[in-house]
């Protein structure tokens, strides 16, 4: 199942990724390339700002997980192992917070 939209960083909004998302019917965040249509531009700016707000919220949660719970130090090689380490880290921090 494909997502309906992608809130990507600017480095991922290149022509190839834009074309692929358009082909798959996925809305890629960001302003369109090329000459701006002044009538549509205000609406596009509003959508872009909403996408930025949503993306900032997600990035903030990731930053909190990395700094507070040490998820930035996970060095597991396999995806399954990484998921297991993350869950165990969350459980250990939850358990220690309850004991306080």
Protein backbone atom coordinates (compact mmCIF):
# COMPACT_ATOMS: atom_id res chain seq x y z
CA UNK A 1 0.00 0.00 0.00
CA UNK A 2 1.45 3.33 -1.05
CA UNK A 3 1.14 6.57 0.94
CA UNK A 4 -1.00 9.40 -0.39
CA UNK A 5 1.70 11.99 0.30
CA UNK A 6 5.37 12.17 1.18
CA UNK A 7 6.80 14.90 3.39
CA UNK A 8 10.34 14.73 2.01
CA UNK A 9 13.40 16.81 2.74
CA UNK A 10 14.51 19.14 -0.07
CA UNK A 11 17.38 16.86 -1.13
CA UNK A 12 14.84 14.15 -2.08
CA UNK A 13 12.66 16.47 -4.16
CA UNK A 14 14.63 16.02 -7.37
CA UNK A 15 13.18 15.58 -10.86
CA UNK A 16 13.42 11.79 -10.80
CA UNK A 17 11.58 11.46 -7.48
CA UNK A 18 9.00 14.04 -8.53
CA UNK A 19 8.31 12.11 -11.75
CA UNK A 20 8.06 8.79 -9.89
CA UNK A 21 5.64 10.22 -7.32
CA UNK A 22 3.53 11.77 -10.05
CA UNK A 23 3.42 8.44 -11.90
CA UNK A 24 2.35 6.60 -8.73
CA UNK A 25 -0.20 9.27 -7.76
CA UNK A 26 1.66 10.35 -4.62
CA UNK A 27 1.74 14.01 -3.62
CA UNK A 28 5.32 15.07 -2.85
CA UNK A 29 5.66 18.02 -0.49
CA UNK A 30 7.32 21.15 -1.81
CA UNK A 31 6.74 23.85 -4.33
CA UNK A 32 6.66 22.88 -8.01
CA UNK A 33 9.64 23.60 -10.23
CA UNK A 34 9.52 26.14 -13.05
CA UNK A 35 7.63 29.35 -13.58
CA UNK A 36 5.07 30.16 -10.91
CA UNK A 37 1.39 30.62 -11.67
CA UNK A 38 0.43 33.53 -9.42
CA UNK A 39 -3.15 32.30 -9.01
CA UNK A 40 -2.14 28.86 -7.74
CA UNK A 41 0.99 30.02 -5.93
CA UNK A 42 -0.76 31.18 -2.74
CA UNK A 43 -2.56 27.84 -2.37
CA UNK A 44 0.71 25.98 -3.01
CA UNK A 45 2.45 28.05 -0.33
CA UNK A 46 -0.30 27.20 2.18
CA UNK A 47 0.01 23.46 1.42
CA UNK A 48 3.80 23.67 1.65
CA UNK A 49 3.67 25.39 5.06
CA UNK A 50 1.19 22.78 6.37
CA UNK A 51 3.53 20.03 5.15
CA UNK A 52 6.47 21.73 6.86
CA UNK A 53 4.57 21.88 10.15
CA UNK A 54 3.68 18.19 9.97
CA UNK A 55 7.24 17.27 9.01
CA UNK A 56 8.68 19.34 11.88
CA UNK A 57 6.47 17.47 14.33
CA UNK A 58 7.76 14.12 13.08
CA UNK A 59 11.38 15.31 13.08
CA UNK A 60 10.93 16.55 16.65
CA UNK A 61 9.71 13.15 17.81
CA UNK A 62 12.68 11.48 16.13
CA UNK A 63 15.07 13.96 17.76
CA UNK A 64 13.53 13.31 21.17
CA UNK A 65 13.85 9.57 20.70
CA UNK A 66 17.51 9.94 19.73
CA UNK A 67 18.50 12.28 22.55
CA UNK A 68 16.25 11.15 25.39
CA UNK A 69 16.10 7.43 24.76
CA UNK A 70 19.47 6.91 23.07
CA UNK A 71 18.05 5.58 19.81
CA UNK A 72 20.77 7.41 17.89
CA UNK A 73 23.34 4.99 19.31
CA UNK A 74 21.76 1.83 17.88
CA UNK A 75 24.33 0.00 15.77
CA UNK A 76 22.37 -3.13 14.89
CA UNK A 77 22.87 -4.27 11.30
CA UNK A 78 19.59 -5.98 10.46
CA UNK A 79 16.25 -4.12 10.43
CA UNK A 80 14.65 -6.75 12.68
CA UNK A 81 17.45 -6.41 15.23
CA UNK A 82 17.19 -2.61 15.17
CA UNK A 83 13.45 -2.79 15.84
CA UNK A 84 14.02 -5.18 18.74
CA UNK A 85 16.67 -2.91 20.28
CA UNK A 86 14.36 0.13 19.95
CA UNK A 87 11.47 -1.66 21.65
CA UNK A 88 13.70 -2.91 24.46
CA UNK A 89 15.13 0.59 24.95
CA UNK A 90 11.63 2.06 25.19
CA UNK A 91 10.57 -0.62 27.67
CA UNK A 92 13.62 -0.14 29.87
CA UNK A 93 13.13 3.64 30.02
CA UNK A 94 9.41 3.23 30.75
CA UNK A 95 10.20 0.75 33.54
CA UNK A 96 12.84 3.01 35.13
CA UNK A 97 10.48 6.03 34.97
CA UNK A 98 7.79 4.09 36.84
CA UNK A 99 10.20 3.20 39.65
CA UNK A 100 10.97 6.86 40.38
